Amino acid sequence: MIPIKDDNPTHHFPFMTILLILGNITVYIYQMTQGPEFQAFIYRFGAIPWEITHFREVPNIPTHYSSTIPNILTPLTSIFLHGSVFHLLGNMLYLWIFGDNVEALVGHFRFFIFYICCGLIAALTQILIAPNSSIPMIGASGAISGVLGAYLLRFPRAKVHVLIFFFFFIRIVRVSALFVLGLWFFIQLFNGLGSIGLEETGGVAWFAHIGGFAAGMILVLLFEKKGPLRIRKSVLY
């Protein structure tokens, strides 16, 4: 089930959402120019839990893999890195569909701060779960999970168009954001609980998604604008 758009129009141009998408694409293009150094770039700017919890580089890694910035800053830089074009496109699709409404809810500049805060909390959550992992965490999904959490809290009845695949059966259906994002969160939680104790297994940082989602639901209460927009918001359901 892949979301492709929502029926939740906004009168605010989502320029910060667009800038974030363009920023992520630009960074990925730069990553691709690294050629054979692509992996080293990820190790330098990705968030490695072991380095953050031990305040030093992972022992015995190649010299050119060492961070060129303080390790404590890598949870921030890691938000803008992606491991593949599919990783990038999947994240940007979710940001494009759900970001505009949350941006309208909190305001342009505050949306950027909200996005970064959710990304940092997401990374911290994964680090707390797997503090000794030496695998770099990268991707915008933790920050975008925060956007999804905020969207679910404030627009649960908005309709989302999703593409459903079942063998040769392909269909687009409209379902509530509560169903789409609630199911998404359940999948993250189910897989996250199953991954506990598997610190050296690569793949999805499930608890980053869980932490980011929870952060979004809480932080939107602090970041959202008050007044007339709250009335408009109820009309958009």
Protein backbone atom coordinates (compact mmCIF):
# COMPACT_ATOMS: atom_id res chain seq x y z
CA MET A 1 0.00 0.00 0.00
CA ILE A 2 1.64 3.18 -1.26
CA PRO A 3 0.14 6.65 -0.60
CA ILE A 4 0.16 8.86 -3.70
CA LYS A 5 -1.76 11.98 -2.59
CA ASP A 6 -4.25 13.30 -0.05
CA ASP A 7 -7.53 15.21 -0.28
CA ASN A 8 -6.56 17.90 2.20
CA PRO A 9 -5.99 21.21 0.38
CA THR A 10 -4.23 24.13 1.99
CA HIS A 11 -4.10 27.81 1.06
CA HIS A 12 -0.45 28.09 2.12
CA PHE A 13 2.31 27.51 -0.43
CA PRO A 14 4.57 24.82 1.10
CA PHE A 15 7.88 26.41 0.17
CA MET A 16 9.73 24.95 3.17
CA THR A 17 8.55 21.44 2.28
CA ILE A 18 9.76 22.02 -1.27
CA LEU A 19 13.09 23.41 -0.05
CA LEU A 20 13.61 20.35 2.16
CA ILE A 21 12.87 18.04 -0.75
CA LEU A 22 15.25 19.95 -3.01
CA GLY A 23 17.88 19.97 -0.27
CA ASN A 24 17.69 16.21 0.16
CA ILE A 25 17.90 15.66 -3.59
CA THR A 26 20.88 18.01 -3.87
CA VAL A 27 22.77 16.24 -1.09
CA TYR A 28 22.09 12.86 -2.68
CA ILE A 29 23.36 14.06 -6.04
CA TYR A 30 26.51 15.24 -4.26
CA GLN A 31 26.80 11.83 -2.60
CA MET A 32 26.67 10.21 -6.03
CA THR A 33 29.57 12.38 -7.22
CA GLN A 34 31.74 10.75 -4.54
CA GLY A 35 32.02 7.60 -6.63
CA PRO A 36 34.07 4.97 -4.76
CA GLU A 37 34.05 7.25 -1.69
CA PHE A 38 30.24 7.00 -1.38
CA GLN A 39 30.47 4.60 1.58
CA ALA A 40 33.18 6.64 3.27
CA PHE A 41 30.98 9.74 2.93
CA ILE A 42 28.16 7.91 4.74
CA TYR A 43 30.50 6.90 7.56
CA ARG A 44 31.79 10.46 7.91
CA PHE A 45 28.39 12.15 8.06
CA GLY A 46 26.04 9.37 9.18
CA ALA A 47 25.15 8.97 12.86
CA ILE A 48 26.98 5.97 14.35
CA PRO A 49 25.54 5.14 17.79
CA TRP A 50 28.79 3.68 19.16
CA GLU A 51 30.72 6.86 18.35
CA ILE A 52 28.08 9.07 19.95
CA THR A 53 27.79 7.03 23.14
CA HIS A 54 31.55 6.52 23.48
CA PHE A 55 32.61 10.02 22.33
CA ARG A 56 35.22 8.68 19.88
CA GLU A 57 35.63 6.98 16.53
CA VAL A 58 34.86 3.31 16.05
CA PRO A 59 38.19 1.45 16.44
CA ASN A 60 39.92 -0.03 13.40
CA ILE A 61 37.89 1.69 10.71
CA PRO A 62 39.78 3.04 7.66
CA THR A 63 41.27 6.48 8.26
CA HIS A 64 39.28 8.12 5.46
CA TYR A 65 36.04 6.83 7.09
CA SER A 66 36.66 8.99 10.18
CA SER A 67 34.25 11.87 10.77
CA THR A 68 35.41 15.27 9.63
CA ILE A 69 32.99 16.91 12.08
CA PRO A 70 32.36 16.27 15.80
CA ASN A 71 30.46 13.00 16.20
CA ILE A 72 27.80 14.74 18.26
CA LEU A 73 26.76 16.67 15.13
CA THR A 74 26.23 13.61 12.93
CA PRO A 75 22.60 13.05 14.02
CA LEU A 76 21.92 16.37 12.27
CA THR A 77 23.91 15.70 9.09
CA SER A 78 22.53 12.16 8.84
CA ILE A 79 19.00 13.54 8.32
CA PHE A 80 19.99 14.69 4.83
CA LEU A 81 21.76 11.51 3.66
CA HIS A 82 20.25 8.55 1.80
CA GLY A 83 21.58 5.15 0.86
CA SER A 84 19.93 4.75 -2.53
CA VAL A 85 17.68 6.56 -4.98
CA PHE A 86 14.72 4.42 -3.84
CA HIS A 87 15.43 5.33 -0.22
CA LEU A 88 15.40 9.00 -1.23
CA LEU A 89 12.28 8.84 -3.42
CA GLY A 90 10.26 6.93 -0.82
CA ASN A 91 11.03 9.48 1.87
CA MET A 92 10.40 12.45 -0.39
CA LEU A 93 7.04 11.03 -1.49
CA TYR A 94 5.82 10.94 2.11
CA LEU A 95 7.20 14.41 2.80
CA TRP A 96 5.48 15.81 -0.30
CA ILE A 97 2.09 14.27 0.52
CA PHE A 98 1.93 15.08 4.23
CA GLY A 99 4.38 17.95 4.70
CA ASP A 100 2.32 20.78 3.20
CA ASN A 101 -0.53 20.51 5.70
CA VAL A 102 1.76 20.32 8.70
CA GLU A 103 3.75 23.27 7.35
CA ALA A 104 0.50 25.27 7.04
CA LEU A 105 -0.38 24.25 10.58
CA VAL A 106 2.84 25.40 12.23
CA GLY A 107 4.24 28.04 9.85
CA HIS A 108 7.12 27.93 7.36
CA PHE A 109 10.16 28.58 9.55
CA ARG A 110 8.75 26.71 12.53
CA PHE A 111 8.13 23.74 10.23
CA PHE A 112 11.85 23.58 9.52
CA ILE A 113 12.67 23.64 13.26
CA PHE A 114 9.93 21.08 13.91
CA TYR A 115 11.35 18.81 11.17
CA ILE A 116 14.89 19.01 12.54
CA CYS A 117 13.76 18.42 16.13
CA CYS A 118 11.80 15.34 15.10
CA GLY A 119 14.82 14.05 13.18
CA LEU A 120 17.15 14.53 16.15
CA ILE A 121 14.73 12.88 18.58
CA ALA A 122 14.31 10.00 16.14
CA ALA A 123 18.07 9.47 15.96
CA LEU A 124 18.38 9.69 19.76
CA THR A 125 15.66 7.06 20.18
CA GLN A 126 17.49 4.61 17.93
CA ILE A 127 20.79 5.36 19.70
CA LEU A 128 19.21 4.62 23.09
CA ILE A 129 17.90 1.29 21.79
CA ALA A 130 21.17 0.25 20.11
CA PRO A 131 23.95 2.28 21.76
CA ASN A 132 26.75 -0.05 20.64
CA SER A 133 25.84 -0.30 16.97
CA SER A 134 28.66 0.68 14.61
CA ILE A 135 26.37 0.92 11.58
CA PRO A 136 25.74 4.49 10.32
CA MET A 137 22.16 5.73 10.55
CA ILE A 138 21.12 7.86 7.59
CA GLY A 139 17.91 9.14 6.06
CA ALA A 140 15.15 11.69 6.48
CA SER A 141 12.61 9.08 7.59
CA GLY A 142 12.95 9.92 11.30
CA ALA A 143 12.14 13.58 10.65
CA ILE A 144 9.38 12.66 8.21
CA SER A 145 7.94 10.26 10.79
CA GLY A 146 7.44 13.33 12.95
CA VAL A 147 5.49 14.94 10.12
CA LEU A 148 3.33 11.81 9.88
CA GLY A 149 2.68 11.87 13.63
CA ALA A 150 1.60 15.50 13.49
CA TYR A 151 -0.61 14.83 10.46
CA LEU A 152 -2.30 11.86 12.14
CA LEU A 153 -3.02 13.88 15.27
CA ARG A 154 -4.43 16.91 13.48
CA PHE A 155 -5.97 15.45 10.29
CA PRO A 156 -7.06 11.89 11.15
CA ARG A 157 -10.14 12.01 8.91
CA ALA A 158 -8.40 13.42 5.83
CA LYS A 159 -8.66 11.08 2.86
CA VAL A 160 -5.49 9.60 1.39
CA HIS A 161 -5.28 7.98 -2.05
CA VAL A 162 -3.26 4.77 -1.79
CA LEU A 163 -2.05 2.39 -4.47
CA ILE A 164 -2.75 -1.23 -3.57
CA PHE A 165 -0.89 -4.17 -5.12
CA PHE A 166 -2.11 -7.75 -4.74
CA PHE A 167 -0.46 -10.06 -7.26
CA PHE A 168 -1.88 -8.76 -10.60
CA PHE A 169 -4.56 -6.69 -8.90
CA ILE A 170 -3.71 -2.96 -8.81
CA ARG A 171 -6.15 -0.37 -7.57
CA ILE A 172 -6.26 3.14 -6.11
CA VAL A 173 -8.54 3.58 -3.11
CA ARG A 174 -9.34 6.45 -0.75
CA VAL A 175 -8.95 5.71 2.94
CA SER A 176 -8.60 7.82 6.05
CA ALA A 177 -5.25 9.13 7.24
CA LEU A 178 -6.04 7.40 10.53
CA PHE A 179 -6.00 4.04 8.76
CA VAL A 180 -2.96 4.72 6.54
CA LEU A 181 -0.73 6.26 9.19
CA GLY A 182 -2.06 4.09 11.99
CA LEU A 183 -1.17 0.99 9.97
CA TRP A 184 2.22 2.50 9.12
CA PHE A 185 2.97 3.08 12.80
CA PHE A 186 1.84 -0.43 13.76
CA ILE A 187 4.26 -1.88 11.19
CA GLN A 188 7.11 0.21 12.62
CA LEU A 189 6.27 -0.86 16.16
CA PHE A 190 5.92 -4.55 15.26
CA ASN A 191 9.22 -4.63 13.40
CA GLY A 192 10.93 -2.47 16.00
CA LEU A 193 10.06 -4.83 18.83
CA GLY A 194 11.30 -7.72 16.71
CA SER A 195 14.63 -6.00 16.08
CA ILE A 196 15.55 -5.44 19.74
CA GLY A 197 18.94 -6.94 20.47
CA LEU A 198 20.01 -7.03 16.82
CA GLU A 199 22.35 -4.04 17.03
CA GLU A 200 24.69 -5.05 14.20
CA THR A 201 21.94 -5.79 11.70
CA GLY A 202 21.67 -3.20 8.94
CA GLY A 203 18.44 -2.10 7.33
CA VAL A 204 15.64 0.01 8.76
CA ALA A 205 16.10 1.93 12.03
CA TRP A 206 12.61 1.10 13.24
CA PHE A 207 12.89 2.90 16.57
CA ALA A 208 13.98 6.08 14.81
CA HIS A 209 10.61 5.98 13.05
CA ILE A 210 8.79 5.27 16.30
CA GLY A 211 10.62 8.04 18.18
CA GLY A 212 10.14 10.55 15.37
CA PHE A 213 6.43 9.74 15.09
CA ALA A 214 5.86 10.18 18.83
CA ALA A 215 7.90 13.40 18.81
CA GLY A 216 5.78 14.79 15.99
CA MET A 217 2.54 14.12 17.84
CA ILE A 218 3.85 15.92 20.91
CA LEU A 219 5.78 18.77 19.31
CA VAL A 220 2.96 19.80 16.98
CA LEU A 221 1.03 20.84 20.10
CA LEU A 222 3.82 23.30 20.89
CA PHE A 223 4.59 24.44 17.34
CA GLU A 224 1.14 24.87 15.78
CA LYS A 225 -0.22 28.33 15.21
CA LYS A 226 -3.29 29.36 17.17
CA GLY A 227 -6.42 31.15 16.06
CA PRO A 228 -8.17 31.13 12.66
CA LEU A 229 -6.10 28.27 11.21
CA ARG A 230 -7.57 25.93 13.83
CA ILE A 231 -11.05 26.65 12.41
CA ARG A 232 -9.87 26.12 8.84
CA LYS A 233 -8.20 22.91 9.90
CA SER A 234 -11.52 21.38 10.94
CA VAL A 235 -13.00 22.19 7.53
CA LEU A 236 -10.21 20.33 5.77
CA TYR A 237 -11.04 16.95 7.28
